[in-house]
PDB file of N, CA and C in Angstrom:
ATOM      1  N   MET A   1      35.333  42.826  33.836  1.00  0.00           N
ATOM      2  CA  MET A   1      35.592  41.775  34.786  1.00  0.00           C
ATOM      3  C   MET A   1      36.657  40.841  34.210  1.00  0.00           C
ATOM      4  N   ARG A   2      37.562  40.466  35.015  1.00  0.00           N
ATOM      5  CA  ARG A   2      38.597  39.549  34.588  1.00  0.00           C
ATOM      6  C   ARG A   2      38.132  38.121  34.807  1.00  0.00           C
ATOM      7  N   GLU A   3      38.391  37.264  33.824  1.00  0.00           N
ATOM      8  CA  GLU A   3      38.019  35.863  33.965  1.00  0.00           C
ATOM      9  C   GLU A   3      39.180  35.114  34.577  1.00  0.00           C
ATOM     10  N   ASN A   4      38.894  34.263  35.556  1.00  0.00           N
ATOM     11  CA  ASN A   4      39.903  33.471  36.217  1.00  0.00           C
ATOM     12  C   ASN A   4      39.633  32.004  36.011  1.00  0.00           C
ATOM     13  N   ALA A   5      40.702  31.206  36.098  1.00  0.00           N
ATOM     14  CA  ALA A   5      40.567  29.768  36.034  1.00  0.00           C
ATOM     15  C   ALA A   5      40.149  29.236  37.395  1.00  0.00           C
ATOM     16  N   ARG A   6      39.511  28.098  37.356  1.00  0.00           N
ATOM     17  CA  ARG A   6      39.151  27.451  38.636  1.00  0.00           C
ATOM     18  C   ARG A   6      40.381  26.779  39.219  1.00  0.00           C
ATOM     19  N   LYS A   7      40.259  26.285  40.423  1.00  0.00           N
ATOM     20  CA  LYS A   7      41.446  25.739  41.142  1.00  0.00           C
ATOM     21  C   LYS A   7      42.211  24.703  40.346  1.00  0.00           C
ATOM     22  N   CYS A   8      41.556  23.699  39.859  1.00  0.00           N
ATOM     23  CA  CYS A   8      42.249  22.567  39.231  1.00  0.00           C
ATOM     24  C   CYS A   8      42.224  22.599  37.715  1.00  0.00           C
ATOM     25  N   GLU A   9      41.825  23.711  37.135  1.00  0.00           N
ATOM     26  CA  GLU A   9      41.727  23.782  35.671  1.00  0.00           C
ATOM     27  C   GLU A   9      42.642  24.866  35.143  1.00  0.00           C
ATOM     28  N   LYS A  10      43.027  24.690  33.893  1.00  0.00           N
ATOM     29  CA  LYS A  10      43.773  25.723  33.184  1.00  0.00           C
ATOM     30  C   LYS A  10      42.809  26.719  32.603  1.00  0.00           C
ATOM     31  N   MET A  11      43.268  27.933  32.402  1.00  0.00           N
ATOM     32  CA  MET A  11      42.405  28.948  31.810  1.00  0.00           C
ATOM     33  C   MET A  11      42.190  28.624  30.335  1.00  0.00           C
ATOM     34  N   ARG A  12      40.950  28.792  29.893  1.00  0.00           N
ATOM     35  CA  ARG A  12      40.607  28.521  28.497  1.00  0.00           C
ATOM     36  C   ARG A  12      41.207  29.598  27.613  1.00  0.00           C
ATOM     37  N   GLU A  13      41.412  29.267  26.349  1.00  0.00           N
ATOM     38  CA  GLU A  13      42.041  30.206  25.412  1.00  0.00           C
ATOM     39  C   GLU A  13      41.181  31.445  25.207  1.00  0.00           C
ATOM     40  N   ASN A  14      39.868  31.272  25.097  1.00  0.00           N
ATOM     41  CA  ASN A  14      39.021  32.449  24.891  1.00  0.00           C
ATOM     42  C   ASN A  14      39.031  33.358  26.118  1.00  0.00           C
ATOM     43  N   ALA A  15      39.199  32.794  27.301  1.00  0.00           N
ATOM     44  CA  ALA A  15      39.305  33.631  28.508  1.00  0.00           C
ATOM     45  C   ALA A  15      40.625  34.377  28.513  1.00  0.00           C
ATOM     46  N   LYS A  16      41.680  33.764  28.049  1.00  0.00           N
ATOM     47  CA  LYS A  16      42.998  34.447  27.987  1.00  0.00           C
ATOM     48  C   LYS A  16      42.897  35.608  26.990  1.00  0.00           C
ATOM     49  N   LYS A  17      42.292  35.377  25.838  1.00  0.00           N
ATOM     50  CA  LYS A  17      42.160  36.433  24.835  1.00  0.00           C
ATOM     51  C   LYS A  17      41.298  37.598  25.361  1.00  0.00           C
ATOM     52  N   PHE A  18      40.208  37.235  26.075  1.00  0.00           N
ATOM     53  CA  PHE A  18      39.348  38.252  26.648  1.00  0.00           C
ATOM     54  C   PHE A  18      40.163  39.131  27.627  1.00  0.00           C
ATOM     55  N   ASN A  19      40.947  38.494  28.504  1.00  0.00           N
ATOM     56  CA  ASN A  19      41.727  39.234  29.480  1.00  0.00           C
ATOM     57  C   ASN A  19      42.776  40.122  28.803  1.00  0.00           C
ATOM     58  N   GLN A  20      43.393  39.597  27.727  1.00  0.00           N
ATOM     59  CA  GLN A  20      44.406  40.407  27.003  1.00  0.00           C
ATOM     60  C   GLN A  20      43.781  41.630  26.349  1.00  0.00           C
ATOM     61  N   LEU A  21      42.599  41.439  25.748  1.00  0.00           N
ATOM     62  CA  LEU A  21      41.925  42.547  25.078  1.00  0.00           C
ATOM     63  C   LEU A  21      41.499  43.646  26.025  1.00  0.00           C
ATOM     64  N   HIS A  22      41.098  43.260  27.225  1.00  0.00           N
ATOM     65  CA  HIS A  22      40.580  44.242  28.165  1.00  0.00           C
ATOM     66  C   HIS A  22      41.636  44.756  29.162  1.00  0.00           C
ATOM     67  N   SER A  23      42.845  44.246  29.122  1.00  0.00           N
ATOM     68  CA  SER A  23      43.834  44.622  30.113  1.00  0.00           C
ATOM     69  C   SER A  23      44.245  46.083  29.977  1.00  0.00           C
ATOM     70  N   GLY A  24      44.329  46.606  28.772  1.00  0.00           N
ATOM     71  CA  GLY A  24      44.717  48.010  28.600  1.00  0.00           C
ATOM     72  C   GLY A  24      43.674  48.963  29.199  1.00  0.00           C
ATOM     73  N   VAL A  25      42.421  48.692  28.961  1.00  0.00           N
ATOM     74  CA  VAL A  25      41.344  49.526  29.509  1.00  0.00           C
ATOM     75  C   VAL A  25      41.321  49.425  31.012  1.00  0.00           C
ATOM     76  N   ARG A  26      41.462  48.224  31.511  1.00  0.00           N
ATOM     77  CA  ARG A  26      41.446  47.998  32.975  1.00  0.00           C
ATOM     78  C   ARG A  26      42.606  48.720  33.638  1.00  0.00           C
ATOM     79  N   CYS A  27      43.763  48.741  33.007  1.00  0.00           N
ATOM     80  CA  CYS A  27      44.939  49.418  33.561  1.00  0.00           C
ATOM     81  C   CYS A  27      44.678  50.928  33.637  1.00  0.00           C
ATOM     82  N   THR A  28      44.103  51.492  32.604  1.00  0.00           N
ATOM     83  CA  THR A  28      43.820  52.937  32.589  1.00  0.00           C
ATOM     84  C   THR A  28      42.821  53.307  33.682  1.00  0.00           C
ATOM     85  N   VAL A  29      41.754  52.548  33.805  1.00  0.00           N
ATOM     86  CA  VAL A  29      40.705  52.841  34.786  1.00  0.00           C
ATOM     87  C   VAL A  29      41.274  52.650  36.205  1.00  0.00           C
ATOM     88  N   GLU A  30      42.005  51.586  36.447  1.00  0.00           N
ATOM     89  CA  GLU A  30      42.528  51.337  37.791  1.00  0.00           C
ATOM     90  C   GLU A  30      43.569  52.399  38.194  1.00  0.00           C
ATOM     91  N   ARG A  31      44.295  52.916  37.221  1.00  0.00           N
ATOM     92  CA  ARG A  31      45.268  53.996  37.528  1.00  0.00           C
ATOM     93  C   ARG A  31      44.532  55.238  37.999  1.00  0.00           C
ATOM     94  N   VAL A  32      43.423  55.581  37.347  1.00  0.00           N
ATOM     95  CA  VAL A  32      42.659  56.785  37.770  1.00  0.00           C
ATOM     96  C   VAL A  32      42.088  56.578  39.173  1.00  0.00           C
ATOM     97  N   PHE A  33      41.548  55.393  39.456  1.00  0.00           N
ATOM     98  CA  PHE A  33      41.044  55.161  40.801  1.00  0.00           C
ATOM     99  C   PHE A  33      42.161  55.198  41.829  1.00  0.00           C
ATOM    100  N   GLY A  34      43.372  54.774  41.464  1.00  0.00           N
ATOM    101  CA  GLY A  34      44.514  54.860  42.366  1.00  0.00           C
ATOM    102  C   GLY A  34      44.821  56.320  42.679  1.00  0.00           C
ATOM    103  N   VAL A  35      44.811  57.168  41.683  1.00  0.00           N
ATOM    104  CA  VAL A  35      45.067  58.595  41.862  1.00  0.00           C
ATOM    105  C   VAL A  35      43.998  59.206  42.746  1.00  0.00           C
ATOM    106  N   LEU A  36      42.728  58.883  42.486  1.00  0.00           N
ATOM    107  CA  LEU A  36      41.643  59.397  43.322  1.00  0.00           C
ATOM    108  C   LEU A  36      41.763  58.961  44.769  1.00  0.00           C
ATOM    109  N   LYS A  37      42.163  57.729  44.986  1.00  0.00           N
ATOM    110  CA  LYS A  37      42.327  57.257  46.361  1.00  0.00           C
ATOM    111  C   LYS A  37      43.501  57.912  47.051  1.00  0.00           C
ATOM    112  N   GLN A  38      44.587  58.138  46.310  1.00  0.00           N
ATOM    113  CA  GLN A  38      45.777  58.682  46.909  1.00  0.00           C
ATOM    114  C   GLN A  38      45.659  60.180  47.189  1.00  0.00           C
ATOM    115  N   HIS A  39      45.148  60.926  46.231  1.00  0.00           N
ATOM    116  CA  HIS A  39      45.179  62.391  46.342  1.00  0.00           C
ATOM    117  C   HIS A  39      43.888  62.993  46.880  1.00  0.00           C
ATOM    118  N   TYR A  40      42.791  62.282  46.729  1.00  0.00           N
ATOM    119  CA  TYR A  40      41.493  62.857  47.110  1.00  0.00           C
ATOM    120  C   TYR A  40      40.808  62.057  48.221  1.00  0.00           C
ATOM    121  N   GLU A  41      41.495  61.129  48.800  1.00  0.00           N
ATOM    122  CA  GLU A  41      40.964  60.297  49.933  1.00  0.00           C
ATOM    123  C   GLU A  41      39.640  59.648  49.558  1.00  0.00           C
ATOM    124  N   MET A  42      39.595  59.065  48.349  1.00  0.00           N
ATOM    125  CA  MET A  42      38.383  58.433  47.906  1.00  0.00           C
ATOM    126  C   MET A  42      38.061  57.173  48.662  1.00  0.00           C
ATOM    127  N   ALA A  43      39.029  56.569  49.311  1.00  0.00           N
ATOM    128  CA  ALA A  43      38.812  55.286  49.973  1.00  0.00           C
ATOM    129  C   ALA A  43      37.867  55.428  51.192  1.00  0.00           C
ATOM    130  N   LYS A  44      37.737  56.659  51.680  1.00  0.00           N
ATOM    131  CA  LYS A  44      36.872  56.869  52.843  1.00  0.00           C
ATOM    132  C   LYS A  44      35.536  57.452  52.412  1.00  0.00           C
ATOM    133  N   ALA A  45      34.483  56.926  52.977  1.00  0.00           N
ATOM    134  CA  ALA A  45      33.136  57.510  52.765  1.00  0.00           C
ATOM    135  C   ALA A  45      32.889  58.475  53.901  1.00  0.00           C
ATOM    136  N   ARG A  46      32.991  59.744  53.595  1.00  0.00           N
ATOM    137  CA  ARG A  46      32.927  60.750  54.650  1.00  0.00           C
ATOM    138  C   ARG A  46      31.525  61.050  55.135  1.00  0.00           C
ATOM    139  N   TYR A  47      30.554  60.812  54.316  1.00  0.00           N
ATOM    140  CA  TYR A  47      29.194  61.222  54.637  1.00  0.00           C
ATOM    141  C   TYR A  47      28.294  60.006  54.760  1.00  0.00           C
ATOM    142  N   LEU A  48      27.223  60.188  55.521  1.00  0.00           N
ATOM    143  CA  LEU A  48      26.165  59.146  55.565  1.00  0.00           C
ATOM    144  C   LEU A  48      25.212  59.445  54.401  1.00  0.00           C
ATOM    145  N   GLY A  49      24.828  58.424  53.721  1.00  0.00           N
ATOM    146  CA  GLY A  49      23.888  58.610  52.599  1.00  0.00           C
ATOM    147  C   GLY A  49      24.588  58.555  51.260  1.00  0.00           C
ATOM    148  N   LEU A  50      23.898  57.964  50.328  1.00  0.00           N
ATOM    149  CA  LEU A  50      24.451  57.767  48.998  1.00  0.00           C
ATOM    150  C   LEU A  50      24.583  59.074  48.210  1.00  0.00           C
ATOM    151  N   ASP A  51      23.619  59.943  48.330  1.00  0.00           N
ATOM    152  CA  ASP A  51      23.646  61.199  47.582  1.00  0.00           C
ATOM    153  C   ASP A  51      24.846  62.058  47.875  1.00  0.00           C
ATOM    154  N   ARG A  52      25.167  62.255  49.131  1.00  0.00           N
ATOM    155  CA  ARG A  52      26.327  63.091  49.504  1.00  0.00           C
ATOM    156  C   ARG A  52      27.632  62.436  49.001  1.00  0.00           C
ATOM    157  N   ASN A  53      27.754  61.141  49.169  1.00  0.00           N
ATOM    158  CA  ASN A  53      28.963  60.466  48.725  1.00  0.00           C
ATOM    159  C   ASN A  53      29.075  60.477  47.211  1.00  0.00           C
ATOM    160  N   ARG A  54      27.956  60.333  46.521  1.00  0.00           N
ATOM    161  CA  ARG A  54      27.974  60.419  45.055  1.00  0.00           C
ATOM    162  C   ARG A  54      28.403  61.776  44.584  1.00  0.00           C
ATOM    163  N   THR A  55      27.866  62.815  45.238  1.00  0.00           N
ATOM    164  CA  THR A  55      28.244  64.196  44.891  1.00  0.00           C
ATOM    165  C   THR A  55      29.713  64.430  45.136  1.00  0.00           C
ATOM    166  N   ARG A  56      30.222  63.943  46.264  1.00  0.00           N
ATOM    167  CA  ARG A  56      31.652  64.080  46.563  1.00  0.00           C
ATOM    168  C   ARG A  56      32.501  63.366  45.514  1.00  0.00           C
ATOM    169  N   PHE A  57      32.087  62.177  45.118  1.00  0.00           N
ATOM    170  CA  PHE A  57      32.841  61.428  44.101  1.00  0.00           C
ATOM    171  C   PHE A  57      32.841  62.187  42.780  1.00  0.00           C
ATOM    172  N   GLU A  58      31.692  62.730  42.397  1.00  0.00           N
ATOM    173  CA  GLU A  58      31.609  63.491  41.163  1.00  0.00           C
ATOM    174  C   GLU A  58      32.492  64.735  41.185  1.00  0.00           C
ATOM    175  N   MET A  59      32.544  65.394  42.329  1.00  0.00           N
ATOM    176  CA  MET A  59      33.391  66.593  42.478  1.00  0.00           C
ATOM    177  C   MET A  59      34.872  66.207  42.407  1.00  0.00           C
ATOM    178  N   MET A  60      35.225  65.044  42.985  1.00  0.00           N
ATOM    179  CA  MET A  60      36.622  64.584  42.874  1.00  0.00           C
ATOM    180  C   MET A  60      36.979  64.305  41.403  1.00  0.00           C
ATOM    181  N   CYS A  61      36.039  63.743  40.673  1.00  0.00           N
ATOM    182  CA  CYS A  61      36.284  63.450  39.248  1.00  0.00           C
ATOM    183  C   CYS A  61      36.454  64.754  38.444  1.00  0.00           C
ATOM    184  N   VAL A  62      35.615  65.748  38.744  1.00  0.00           N
ATOM    185  CA  VAL A  62      35.736  67.025  38.096  1.00  0.00           C
ATOM    186  C   VAL A  62      37.099  67.643  38.382  1.00  0.00           C
ATOM    187  N   ALA A  63      37.485  67.640  39.653  1.00  0.00           N
ATOM    188  CA  ALA A  63      38.777  68.230  40.042  1.00  0.00           C
ATOM    189  C   ALA A  63      39.927  67.472  39.344  1.00  0.00           C
ATOM    190  N   HIS A  64      39.834  66.163  39.276  1.00  0.00           N
ATOM    191  CA  HIS A  64      40.874  65.362  38.618  1.00  0.00           C
ATOM    192  C   HIS A  64      40.949  65.691  37.122  1.00  0.00           C
ATOM    193  N   ASN A  65      39.777  65.827  36.489  1.00  0.00           N
ATOM    194  CA  ASN A  65      39.772  66.114  35.048  1.00  0.00           C
ATOM    195  C   ASN A  65      40.329  67.518  34.743  1.00  0.00           C
ATOM    196  N   ILE A  66      40.023  68.492  35.623  1.00  0.00           N
ATOM    197  CA  ILE A  66      40.563  69.836  35.406  1.00  0.00           C
ATOM    198  C   ILE A  66      42.077  69.828  35.584  1.00  0.00           C
ATOM    199  N   LYS A  67      42.523  69.191  36.640  1.00  0.00           N
ATOM    200  CA  LYS A  67      43.971  69.103  36.888  1.00  0.00           C
ATOM    201  C   LYS A  67      44.677  68.373  35.733  1.00  0.00           C
ATOM    202  N   ARG A  68      44.101  67.297  35.252  1.00  0.00           N
ATOM    203  CA  ARG A  68      44.689  66.540  34.150  1.00  0.00           C
ATOM    204  C   ARG A  68      44.669  67.357  32.846  1.00  0.00           C
ATOM    205  N   GLY A  69      43.566  68.042  32.624  1.00  0.00           N
ATOM    206  CA  GLY A  69      43.461  68.859  31.398  1.00  0.00           C
ATOM    207  C   GLY A  69      44.494  69.986  31.389  1.00  0.00           C
ATOM    208  N   LEU A  70      44.683  70.634  32.530  1.00  0.00           N
ATOM    209  CA  LEU A  70      45.681  71.716  32.619  1.00  0.00           C
ATOM    210  C   LEU A  70      47.074  71.181  32.405  1.00  0.00           C
ATOM    211  N   SER A  71      47.418  70.018  32.936  1.00  0.00           N
ATOM    212  CA  SER A  71      48.754  69.459  32.760  1.00  0.00           C
ATOM    213  C   SER A  71      48.954  69.042  31.315  1.00  0.00           C
ATOM    214  N   LEU A  72      47.932  68.531  30.652  1.00  0.00           N
ATOM    215  CA  LEU A  72      48.055  68.165  29.226  1.00  0.00           C
ATOM    216  C   LEU A  72      48.197  69.411  28.374  1.00  0.00           C
ATOM    217  N   GLN A  73      47.478  70.485  28.714  1.00  0.00           N
ATOM    218  CA  GLN A  73      47.579  71.721  27.997  1.00  0.00           C
ATOM    219  C   GLN A  73      48.972  72.325  28.105  1.00  0.00           C
ATOM    220  N   GLN A  74      49.526  72.304  29.309  1.00  0.00           N
ATOM    221  CA  GLN A  74      50.875  72.828  29.512  1.00  0.00           C
ATOM    222  C   GLN A  74      51.908  72.013  28.802  1.00  0.00           C
ATOM    223  N   ALA A  75      51.718  70.698  28.756  1.00  0.00           N
ATOM    224  CA  ALA A  75      52.668  69.814  28.078  1.00  0.00           C
ATOM    225  C   ALA A  75      52.617  70.050  26.558  1.00  0.00           C
ATOM    226  N   SER A  76      51.463  70.336  26.019  1.00  0.00           N
ATOM    227  CA  SER A  76      51.361  70.569  24.579  1.00  0.00           C
ATOM    228  C   SER A  76      51.992  71.906  24.166  1.00  0.00           C
ATOM    229  N   ARG A  77      52.043  72.870  25.087  1.00  0.00           N
ATOM    230  CA  ARG A  77      52.653  74.153  24.792  1.00  0.00           C
ATOM    231  C   ARG A  77      54.188  74.079  24.844  1.00  0.00           C
ATOM    232  N   ALA A  78      54.691  73.169  25.617  1.00  0.00           N
ATOM    233  CA  ALA A  78      56.171  73.100  25.803  1.00  0.00           C
ATOM    234  C   ALA A  78      56.843  72.452  24.643  1.00  0.00           C
TER     235      ALA A  78
END
């Protein structure tokens, strides 16, 4: 979670350091969710019920990891 300053206050130094330390991880995670939303239509909940949507999300993650693994493997061979 990112820490924000309140309306009339400046952000505290420890909050700035916290945000800087976590920004790299947040960027990586948000990029993956962007790919899932763009290529696998993750933004839409296609099914009623949590179990079906959870299964669909897990399958999207598996497909993404396989695709990513293959591209990394091909890049290492080149």
